[in-house]
Amino acid sequence: MQQIGTQKDSNAWIFQTWASFILSVGMTTTGIIFMPGDIWVRGFIGMGLGFSVASTFTLAKTQRDLHESTKLTSKIEEAKVEQILSQHGVLK
């Protein structure tokens, strides 16, 4: 049976993604804090930022889980095909 390797991201890529995330949320938060206007307006925009970040994480996790379940289904189907072929002597 063929082993499928797992893809590992480099430390530089992981650092870049976290730095980008922290910088973008930090800069947006700073912009909201120093934005002219009523505190209620800034609070509303801040809540919108928080909900957007949370829903983005949820969407990314859902897409990852969907992709991983598709890979598992493919592995199961491939194993079934190999079993059928081995039972009928095609692979011998």
PDB file of N, CA and C in Angstrom:
ATOM      1  N   MET A   1       0.844  -1.184   0.000  1.00  0.00           N
ATOM      2  CA  MET A   1       0.000   0.000   0.000  1.00  0.00           C
ATOM      3  C   MET A   1       0.887   1.244   0.000  1.00  0.00           C
ATOM      4  N   GLN A   2       0.477   2.229  -0.697  1.00  0.00           N
ATOM      5  CA  GLN A   2       1.267   3.433  -0.876  1.00  0.00           C
ATOM      6  C   GLN A   2       1.034   4.402   0.281  1.00  0.00           C
ATOM      7  N   GLN A   3       2.113   4.902   0.870  1.00  0.00           N
ATOM      8  CA  GLN A   3       2.008   5.871   1.954  1.00  0.00           C
ATOM      9  C   GLN A   3       1.885   7.272   1.371  1.00  0.00           C
ATOM     10  N   ILE A   4       0.925   7.999   1.855  1.00  0.00           N
ATOM     11  CA  ILE A   4       0.746   9.378   1.415  1.00  0.00           C
ATOM     12  C   ILE A   4       1.340  10.281   2.476  1.00  0.00           C
ATOM     13  N   GLY A   5       2.354  11.082   2.098  1.00  0.00           N
ATOM     14  CA  GLY A   5       3.012  11.974   3.045  1.00  0.00           C
ATOM     15  C   GLY A   5       2.141  13.166   3.379  1.00  0.00           C
ATOM     16  N   THR A   6       2.355  13.699   4.555  1.00  0.00           N
ATOM     17  CA  THR A   6       1.616  14.886   4.935  1.00  0.00           C
ATOM     18  C   THR A   6       2.426  16.117   4.545  1.00  0.00           C
ATOM     19  N   GLN A   7       1.731  17.118   4.123  1.00  0.00           N
ATOM     20  CA  GLN A   7       2.387  18.357   3.730  1.00  0.00           C
ATOM     21  C   GLN A   7       2.621  19.188   4.987  1.00  0.00           C
ATOM     22  N   LYS A   8       3.858  19.646   5.161  1.00  0.00           N
ATOM     23  CA  LYS A   8       4.193  20.461   6.329  1.00  0.00           C
ATOM     24  C   LYS A   8       4.625  21.832   5.844  1.00  0.00           C
ATOM     25  N   ASP A   9       4.006  22.838   6.418  1.00  0.00           N
ATOM     26  CA  ASP A   9       4.369  24.209   6.063  1.00  0.00           C
ATOM     27  C   ASP A   9       5.681  24.584   6.730  1.00  0.00           C
ATOM     28  N   SER A  10       6.453  25.445   6.066  1.00  0.00           N
ATOM     29  CA  SER A  10       7.727  25.881   6.631  1.00  0.00           C
ATOM     30  C   SER A  10       7.483  26.855   7.783  1.00  0.00           C
ATOM     31  N   ASN A  11       8.466  26.968   8.650  1.00  0.00           N
ATOM     32  CA  ASN A  11       8.355  27.908   9.774  1.00  0.00           C
ATOM     33  C   ASN A  11       8.224  29.342   9.288  1.00  0.00           C
ATOM     34  N   ALA A  12       8.885  29.667   8.183  1.00  0.00           N
ATOM     35  CA  ALA A  12       8.789  31.026   7.631  1.00  0.00           C
ATOM     36  C   ALA A  12       7.363  31.324   7.181  1.00  0.00           C
ATOM     37  N   TRP A  13       6.708  30.350   6.544  1.00  0.00           N
ATOM     38  CA  TRP A  13       5.332  30.539   6.084  1.00  0.00           C
ATOM     39  C   TRP A  13       4.389  30.714   7.277  1.00  0.00           C
ATOM     40  N   ILE A  14       4.563  29.891   8.299  1.00  0.00           N
ATOM     41  CA  ILE A  14       3.719  29.986   9.490  1.00  0.00           C
ATOM     42  C   ILE A  14       3.902  31.347  10.158  1.00  0.00           C
ATOM     43  N   PHE A  15       5.148  31.796  10.283  1.00  0.00           N
ATOM     44  CA  PHE A  15       5.426  33.112  10.867  1.00  0.00           C
ATOM     45  C   PHE A  15       4.771  34.211  10.037  1.00  0.00           C
ATOM     46  N   GLN A  16       4.904  34.132   8.718  1.00  0.00           N
ATOM     47  CA  GLN A  16       4.347  35.164   7.831  1.00  0.00           C
ATOM     48  C   GLN A  16       2.830  35.231   7.954  1.00  0.00           C
ATOM     49  N   THR A  17       2.162  34.088   8.033  1.00  0.00           N
ATOM     50  CA  THR A  17       0.706  34.113   8.133  1.00  0.00           C
ATOM     51  C   THR A  17       0.242  34.706   9.460  1.00  0.00           C
ATOM     52  N   TRP A  18       0.914  34.330  10.560  1.00  0.00           N
ATOM     53  CA  TRP A  18       0.544  34.895  11.852  1.00  0.00           C
ATOM     54  C   TRP A  18       0.867  36.386  11.916  1.00  0.00           C
ATOM     55  N   ALA A  19       2.031  36.781  11.414  1.00  0.00           N
ATOM     56  CA  ALA A  19       2.407  38.201  11.418  1.00  0.00           C
ATOM     57  C   ALA A  19       1.411  39.019  10.601  1.00  0.00           C
ATOM     58  N   SER A  20       1.031  38.499   9.451  1.00  0.00           N
ATOM     59  CA  SER A  20       0.066  39.192   8.599  1.00  0.00           C
ATOM     60  C   SER A  20      -1.273  39.338   9.306  1.00  0.00           C
ATOM     61  N   PHE A  21      -1.717  38.271   9.954  1.00  0.00           N
ATOM     62  CA  PHE A  21      -2.995  38.315  10.673  1.00  0.00           C
ATOM     63  C   PHE A  21      -2.952  39.328  11.813  1.00  0.00           C
ATOM     64  N   ILE A  22      -1.917  39.254  12.634  1.00  0.00           N
ATOM     65  CA  ILE A  22      -1.803  40.153  13.785  1.00  0.00           C
ATOM     66  C   ILE A  22      -1.689  41.606  13.332  1.00  0.00           C
ATOM     67  N   LEU A  23      -0.894  41.833  12.302  1.00  0.00           N
ATOM     68  CA  LEU A  23      -0.719  43.193  11.790  1.00  0.00           C
ATOM     69  C   LEU A  23      -2.029  43.750  11.221  1.00  0.00           C
ATOM     70  N   SER A  24      -2.737  42.956  10.439  1.00  0.00           N
ATOM     71  CA  SER A  24      -3.968  43.467   9.830  1.00  0.00           C
ATOM     72  C   SER A  24      -5.053  43.737  10.868  1.00  0.00           C
ATOM     73  N   VAL A  25      -5.223  42.827  11.836  1.00  0.00           N
ATOM     74  CA  VAL A  25      -6.228  43.065  12.870  1.00  0.00           C
ATOM     75  C   VAL A  25      -5.797  44.227  13.767  1.00  0.00           C
ATOM     76  N   GLY A  26      -4.520  44.304  14.091  1.00  0.00           N
ATOM     77  CA  GLY A  26      -4.016  45.400  14.925  1.00  0.00           C
ATOM     78  C   GLY A  26      -4.181  46.759  14.267  1.00  0.00           C
ATOM     79  N   MET A  27      -3.847  46.837  12.979  1.00  0.00           N
ATOM     80  CA  MET A  27      -3.982  48.116  12.276  1.00  0.00           C
ATOM     81  C   MET A  27      -5.447  48.518  12.130  1.00  0.00           C
ATOM     82  N   THR A  28      -6.314  47.554  11.868  1.00  0.00           N
ATOM     83  CA  THR A  28      -7.742  47.874  11.755  1.00  0.00           C
ATOM     84  C   THR A  28      -8.301  48.325  13.095  1.00  0.00           C
ATOM     85  N   THR A  29      -7.908  47.634  14.161  1.00  0.00           N
ATOM     86  CA  THR A  29      -8.353  48.019  15.501  1.00  0.00           C
ATOM     87  C   THR A  29      -7.863  49.418  15.858  1.00  0.00           C
ATOM     88  N   THR A  30      -6.609  49.709  15.545  1.00  0.00           N
ATOM     89  CA  THR A  30      -6.068  51.054  15.805  1.00  0.00           C
ATOM     90  C   THR A  30      -6.852  52.102  15.033  1.00  0.00           C
ATOM     91  N   GLY A  31      -7.167  51.804  13.778  1.00  0.00           N
ATOM     92  CA  GLY A  31      -7.966  52.732  12.973  1.00  0.00           C
ATOM     93  C   GLY A  31      -9.332  52.977  13.565  1.00  0.00           C
ATOM     94  N   ILE A  32      -9.953  51.934  14.086  1.00  0.00           N
ATOM     95  CA  ILE A  32     -11.275  52.086  14.691  1.00  0.00           C
ATOM     96  C   ILE A  32     -11.180  52.909  15.974  1.00  0.00           C
ATOM     97  N   ILE A  33     -10.161  52.643  16.786  1.00  0.00           N
ATOM     98  CA  ILE A  33     -10.010  53.371  18.053  1.00  0.00           C
ATOM     99  C   ILE A  33      -9.825  54.869  17.818  1.00  0.00           C
ATOM    100  N   PHE A  34      -8.996  55.239  16.841  1.00  0.00           N
ATOM    101  CA  PHE A  34      -8.689  56.642  16.593  1.00  0.00           C
ATOM    102  C   PHE A  34      -9.599  57.294  15.553  1.00  0.00           C
ATOM    103  N   MET A  35     -10.609  56.580  15.122  1.00  0.00           N
ATOM    104  CA  MET A  35     -11.554  57.123  14.151  1.00  0.00           C
ATOM    105  C   MET A  35     -12.391  58.219  14.811  1.00  0.00           C
ATOM    106  N   PRO A  36     -12.563  59.337  14.119  1.00  0.00           N
ATOM    107  CA  PRO A  36     -13.424  60.371  14.708  1.00  0.00           C
ATOM    108  C   PRO A  36     -14.874  59.882  14.702  1.00  0.00           C
ATOM    109  N   GLY A  37     -15.572  60.221  15.735  1.00  0.00           N
ATOM    110  CA  GLY A  37     -16.977  59.824  15.797  1.00  0.00           C
ATOM    111  C   GLY A  37     -17.344  59.333  17.174  1.00  0.00           C
ATOM    112  N   ASP A  38     -18.596  59.009  17.300  1.00  0.00           N
ATOM    113  CA  ASP A  38     -19.168  58.581  18.571  1.00  0.00           C
ATOM    114  C   ASP A  38     -18.633  57.202  18.966  1.00  0.00           C
ATOM    115  N   ILE A  39     -18.545  56.963  20.267  1.00  0.00           N
ATOM    116  CA  ILE A  39     -18.051  55.683  20.782  1.00  0.00           C
ATOM    117  C   ILE A  39     -18.935  54.527  20.335  1.00  0.00           C
ATOM    118  N   TRP A  40     -20.239  54.789  20.179  1.00  0.00           N
ATOM    119  CA  TRP A  40     -21.159  53.732  19.758  1.00  0.00           C
ATOM    120  C   TRP A  40     -20.883  53.295  18.323  1.00  0.00           C
ATOM    121  N   VAL A  41     -20.538  54.226  17.483  1.00  0.00           N
ATOM    122  CA  VAL A  41     -20.216  53.896  16.090  1.00  0.00           C
ATOM    123  C   VAL A  41     -18.930  53.066  16.041  1.00  0.00           C
ATOM    124  N   ARG A  42     -17.927  53.499  16.787  1.00  0.00           N
ATOM    125  CA  ARG A  42     -16.667  52.740  16.827  1.00  0.00           C
ATOM    126  C   ARG A  42     -16.879  51.354  17.426  1.00  0.00           C
ATOM    127  N   GLY A  43     -17.718  51.267  18.452  1.00  0.00           N
ATOM    128  CA  GLY A  43     -18.029  49.970  19.049  1.00  0.00           C
ATOM    129  C   GLY A  43     -18.730  49.040  18.067  1.00  0.00           C
ATOM    130  N   PHE A  44     -19.650  49.610  17.286  1.00  0.00           N
ATOM    131  CA  PHE A  44     -20.367  48.816  16.291  1.00  0.00           C
ATOM    132  C   PHE A  44     -19.406  48.297  15.217  1.00  0.00           C
ATOM    133  N   ILE A  45     -18.518  49.145  14.751  1.00  0.00           N
ATOM    134  CA  ILE A  45     -17.542  48.729  13.749  1.00  0.00           C
ATOM    135  C   ILE A  45     -16.572  47.702  14.334  1.00  0.00           C
ATOM    136  N   GLY A  46     -16.191  47.896  15.603  1.00  0.00           N
ATOM    137  CA  GLY A  46     -15.329  46.918  16.276  1.00  0.00           C
ATOM    138  C   GLY A  46     -15.998  45.562  16.403  1.00  0.00           C
ATOM    139  N   MET A  47     -17.286  45.552  16.715  1.00  0.00           N
ATOM    140  CA  MET A  47     -18.017  44.290  16.772  1.00  0.00           C
ATOM    141  C   MET A  47     -18.057  43.629  15.397  1.00  0.00           C
ATOM    142  N   GLY A  48     -18.230  44.423  14.373  1.00  0.00           N
ATOM    143  CA  GLY A  48     -18.225  43.886  13.010  1.00  0.00           C
ATOM    144  C   GLY A  48     -16.884  43.248  12.673  1.00  0.00           C
ATOM    145  N   LEU A  49     -15.793  43.894  13.095  1.00  0.00           N
ATOM    146  CA  LEU A  49     -14.460  43.322  12.884  1.00  0.00           C
ATOM    147  C   LEU A  49     -14.324  41.994  13.628  1.00  0.00           C
ATOM    148  N   GLY A  50     -14.763  41.963  14.873  1.00  0.00           N
ATOM    149  CA  GLY A  50     -14.680  40.725  15.660  1.00  0.00           C
ATOM    150  C   GLY A  50     -15.473  39.591  15.037  1.00  0.00           C
ATOM    151  N   PHE A  51     -16.696  39.874  14.601  1.00  0.00           N
ATOM    152  CA  PHE A  51     -17.508  38.844  13.965  1.00  0.00           C
ATOM    153  C   PHE A  51     -16.908  38.398  12.636  1.00  0.00           C
ATOM    154  N   SER A  52     -16.325  39.324  11.897  1.00  0.00           N
ATOM    155  CA  SER A  52     -15.696  38.961  10.613  1.00  0.00           C
ATOM    156  C   SER A  52     -14.504  38.028  10.824  1.00  0.00           C
ATOM    157  N   VAL A  53     -13.683  38.334  11.822  1.00  0.00           N
ATOM    158  CA  VAL A  53     -12.524  37.478  12.113  1.00  0.00           C
ATOM    159  C   VAL A  53     -12.989  36.092  12.564  1.00  0.00           C
ATOM    160  N   ALA A  54     -13.973  36.046  13.457  1.00  0.00           N
ATOM    161  CA  ALA A  54     -14.470  34.762  13.956  1.00  0.00           C
ATOM    162  C   ALA A  54     -15.081  33.930  12.835  1.00  0.00           C
ATOM    163  N   SER A  55     -15.862  34.548  11.960  1.00  0.00           N
ATOM    164  CA  SER A  55     -16.487  33.794  10.872  1.00  0.00           C
ATOM    165  C   SER A  55     -15.458  33.340   9.849  1.00  0.00           C
ATOM    166  N   THR A  56     -14.379  34.098   9.686  1.00  0.00           N
ATOM    167  CA  THR A  56     -13.306  33.681   8.783  1.00  0.00           C
ATOM    168  C   THR A  56     -12.615  32.435   9.309  1.00  0.00           C
ATOM    169  N   PHE A  57     -12.335  32.379  10.610  1.00  0.00           N
ATOM    170  CA  PHE A  57     -11.740  31.178  11.206  1.00  0.00           C
ATOM    171  C   PHE A  57     -12.678  29.981  11.059  1.00  0.00           C
ATOM    172  N   THR A  58     -13.970  30.199  11.291  1.00  0.00           N
ATOM    173  CA  THR A  58     -14.939  29.117  11.166  1.00  0.00           C
ATOM    174  C   THR A  58     -15.020  28.606   9.733  1.00  0.00           C
ATOM    175  N   LEU A  59     -15.039  29.510   8.772  1.00  0.00           N
ATOM    176  CA  LEU A  59     -15.077  29.120   7.366  1.00  0.00           C
ATOM    177  C   LEU A  59     -13.826  28.346   6.973  1.00  0.00           C
ATOM    178  N   ALA A  60     -12.663  28.813   7.410  1.00  0.00           N
ATOM    179  CA  ALA A  60     -11.412  28.117   7.083  1.00  0.00           C
ATOM    180  C   ALA A  60     -11.397  26.712   7.680  1.00  0.00           C
ATOM    181  N   LYS A  61     -11.848  26.558   8.917  1.00  0.00           N
ATOM    182  CA  LYS A  61     -11.888  25.242   9.549  1.00  0.00           C
ATOM    183  C   LYS A  61     -12.872  24.329   8.825  1.00  0.00           C
ATOM    184  N   THR A  62     -14.021  24.851   8.450  1.00  0.00           N
ATOM    185  CA  THR A  62     -15.018  24.050   7.739  1.00  0.00           C
ATOM    186  C   THR A  62     -14.474  23.569   6.408  1.00  0.00           C
ATOM    187  N   GLN A  63     -13.811  24.451   5.668  1.00  0.00           N
ATOM    188  CA  GLN A  63     -13.236  24.066   4.379  1.00  0.00           C
ATOM    189  C   GLN A  63     -12.144  23.016   4.561  1.00  0.00           C
ATOM    190  N   ARG A  64     -11.309  23.169   5.584  1.00  0.00           N
ATOM    191  CA  ARG A  64     -10.259  22.192   5.860  1.00  0.00           C
ATOM    192  C   ARG A  64     -10.857  20.838   6.196  1.00  0.00           C
ATOM    193  N   ASP A  65     -11.883  20.821   7.050  1.00  0.00           N
ATOM    194  CA  ASP A  65     -12.529  19.571   7.432  1.00  0.00           C
ATOM    195  C   ASP A  65     -13.179  18.902   6.226  1.00  0.00           C
ATOM    196  N   LEU A  66     -13.800  19.691   5.364  1.00  0.00           N
ATOM    197  CA  LEU A  66     -14.421  19.146   4.154  1.00  0.00           C
ATOM    198  C   LEU A  66     -13.369  18.522   3.240  1.00  0.00           C
ATOM    199  N   HIS A  67     -12.253  19.207   3.082  1.00  0.00           N
ATOM    200  CA  HIS A  67     -11.165  18.693   2.245  1.00  0.00           C
ATOM    201  C   HIS A  67     -10.597  17.404   2.823  1.00  0.00           C
ATOM    202  N   GLU A  68     -10.377  17.355   4.137  1.00  0.00           N
ATOM    203  CA  GLU A  68      -9.828  16.157   4.770  1.00  0.00           C
ATOM    204  C   GLU A  68     -10.797  14.992   4.701  1.00  0.00           C
ATOM    205  N   SER A  69     -12.101  15.247   4.802  1.00  0.00           N
ATOM    206  CA  SER A  69     -13.072  14.153   4.702  1.00  0.00           C
ATOM    207  C   SER A  69     -13.121  13.605   3.286  1.00  0.00           C
ATOM    208  N   THR A  70     -12.910  14.454   2.293  1.00  0.00           N
ATOM    209  CA  THR A  70     -12.870  14.003   0.901  1.00  0.00           C
ATOM    210  C   THR A  70     -11.662  13.100   0.687  1.00  0.00           C
ATOM    211  N   LYS A  71     -10.508  13.454   1.270  1.00  0.00           N
ATOM    212  CA  LYS A  71      -9.315  12.616   1.145  1.00  0.00           C
ATOM    213  C   LYS A  71      -9.550  11.263   1.794  1.00  0.00           C
ATOM    214  N   LEU A  72     -10.219  11.231   2.967  1.00  0.00           N
ATOM    215  CA  LEU A  72     -10.487   9.980   3.666  1.00  0.00           C
ATOM    216  C   LEU A  72     -11.430   9.111   2.841  1.00  0.00           C
ATOM    217  N   THR A  73     -12.458   9.713   2.251  1.00  0.00           N
ATOM    218  CA  THR A  73     -13.388   8.964   1.412  1.00  0.00           C
ATOM    219  C   THR A  73     -12.663   8.359   0.221  1.00  0.00           C
ATOM    220  N   SER A  74     -11.756   9.099  -0.388  1.00  0.00           N
ATOM    221  CA  SER A  74     -10.986   8.589  -1.516  1.00  0.00           C
ATOM    222  C   SER A  74     -10.124   7.410  -1.104  1.00  0.00           C
ATOM    223  N   LYS A  75      -9.501   7.483   0.075  1.00  0.00           N
ATOM    224  CA  LYS A  75      -8.663   6.388   0.564  1.00  0.00           C
ATOM    225  C   LYS A  75      -9.499   5.130   0.799  1.00  0.00           C
ATOM    226  N   ILE A  76     -10.698   5.299   1.370  1.00  0.00           N
ATOM    227  CA  ILE A  76     -11.572   4.159   1.630  1.00  0.00           C
ATOM    228  C   ILE A  76     -12.004   3.518   0.316  1.00  0.00           C
ATOM    229  N   GLU A  77     -12.388   4.335  -0.662  1.00  0.00           N
ATOM    230  CA  GLU A  77     -12.806   3.798  -1.958  1.00  0.00           C
ATOM    231  C   GLU A  77     -11.644   3.089  -2.650  1.00  0.00           C
ATOM    232  N   GLU A  78     -10.448   3.651  -2.555  1.00  0.00           N
ATOM    233  CA  GLU A  78      -9.274   3.019  -3.161  1.00  0.00           C
ATOM    234  C   GLU A  78      -8.984   1.671  -2.503  1.00  0.00           C
ATOM    235  N   ALA A  79      -9.131   1.595  -1.198  1.00  0.00           N
ATOM    236  CA  ALA A  79      -8.903   0.329  -0.485  1.00  0.00           C
ATOM    237  C   ALA A  79      -9.932  -0.718  -0.893  1.00  0.00           C
ATOM    238  N   LYS A  80     -11.179  -0.293  -1.083  1.00  0.00           N
ATOM    239  CA  LYS A  80     -12.214  -1.230  -1.526  1.00  0.00           C
ATOM    240  C   LYS A  80     -11.900  -1.773  -2.914  1.00  0.00           C
ATOM    241  N   VAL A  81     -11.471  -0.910  -3.816  1.00  0.00           N
ATOM    242  CA  VAL A  81     -11.121  -1.339  -5.171  1.00  0.00           C
ATOM    243  C   VAL A  81      -9.952  -2.316  -5.127  1.00  0.00           C
ATOM    244  N   GLU A  82      -8.931  -2.017  -4.323  1.00  0.00           N
ATOM    245  CA  GLU A  82      -7.785  -2.924  -4.203  1.00  0.00           C
ATOM    246  C   GLU A  82      -8.211  -4.276  -3.661  1.00  0.00           C
ATOM    247  N   GLN A  83      -9.134  -4.277  -2.686  1.00  0.00           N
ATOM    248  CA  GLN A  83      -9.611  -5.531  -2.111  1.00  0.00           C
ATOM    249  C   GLN A  83     -10.355  -6.348  -3.163  1.00  0.00           C
ATOM    250  N   ILE A  84     -11.212  -5.713  -3.935  1.00  0.00           N
ATOM    251  CA  ILE A  84     -11.966  -6.420  -4.982  1.00  0.00           C
ATOM    252  C   ILE A  84     -11.018  -6.988  -6.020  1.00  0.00           C
ATOM    253  N   LEU A  85     -10.042  -6.195  -6.450  1.00  0.00           N
ATOM    254  CA  LEU A  85      -9.096  -6.654  -7.459  1.00  0.00           C
ATOM    255  C   LEU A  85      -8.243  -7.812  -6.939  1.00  0.00           C
ATOM    256  N   SER A  86      -7.858  -7.746  -5.663  1.00  0.00           N
ATOM    257  CA  SER A  86      -7.042  -8.832  -5.112  1.00  0.00           C
ATOM    258  C   SER A  86      -7.847 -10.112  -4.948  1.00  0.00           C
ATOM    259  N   GLN A  87      -9.134  -9.987  -4.667  1.00  0.00           N
ATOM    260  CA  GLN A  87      -9.982 -11.168  -4.524  1.00  0.00           C
ATOM    261  C   GLN A  87     -10.198 -11.876  -5.857  1.00  0.00           C
ATOM    262  N   HIS A  88     -10.172 -11.150  -6.927  1.00  0.00           N
ATOM    263  CA  HIS A  88     -10.405 -11.713  -8.257  1.00  0.00           C
ATOM    264  C   HIS A  88      -9.110 -12.064  -8.960  1.00  0.00           C
ATOM    265  N   GLY A  89      -7.997 -11.895  -8.280  1.00  0.00           N
ATOM    266  CA  GLY A  89      -6.718 -12.325  -8.837  1.00  0.00           C
ATOM    267  C   GLY A  89      -6.133 -11.407  -9.889  1.00  0.00           C
ATOM    268  N   VAL A  90      -6.681 -10.223 -10.036  1.00  0.00           N
ATOM    269  CA  VAL A  90      -6.195  -9.287 -11.059  1.00  0.00           C
ATOM    270  C   VAL A  90      -4.820  -8.743 -10.678  1.00  0.00           C
ATOM    271  N   LEU A  91      -4.579  -8.563  -9.395  1.00  0.00           N
ATOM    272  CA  LEU A  91      -3.316  -7.981  -8.953  1.00  0.00           C
ATOM    273  C   LEU A  91      -2.236  -9.019  -8.740  1.00  0.00           C
ATOM    274  N   LYS A  92      -2.536 -10.311  -8.872  1.00  0.00           N
ATOM    275  CA  LYS A  92      -1.544 -11.361  -8.618  1.00  0.00           C
ATOM    276  C   LYS A  92      -0.678 -11.621  -9.815  1.00  0.00           C
TER     277      LYS A  92
END
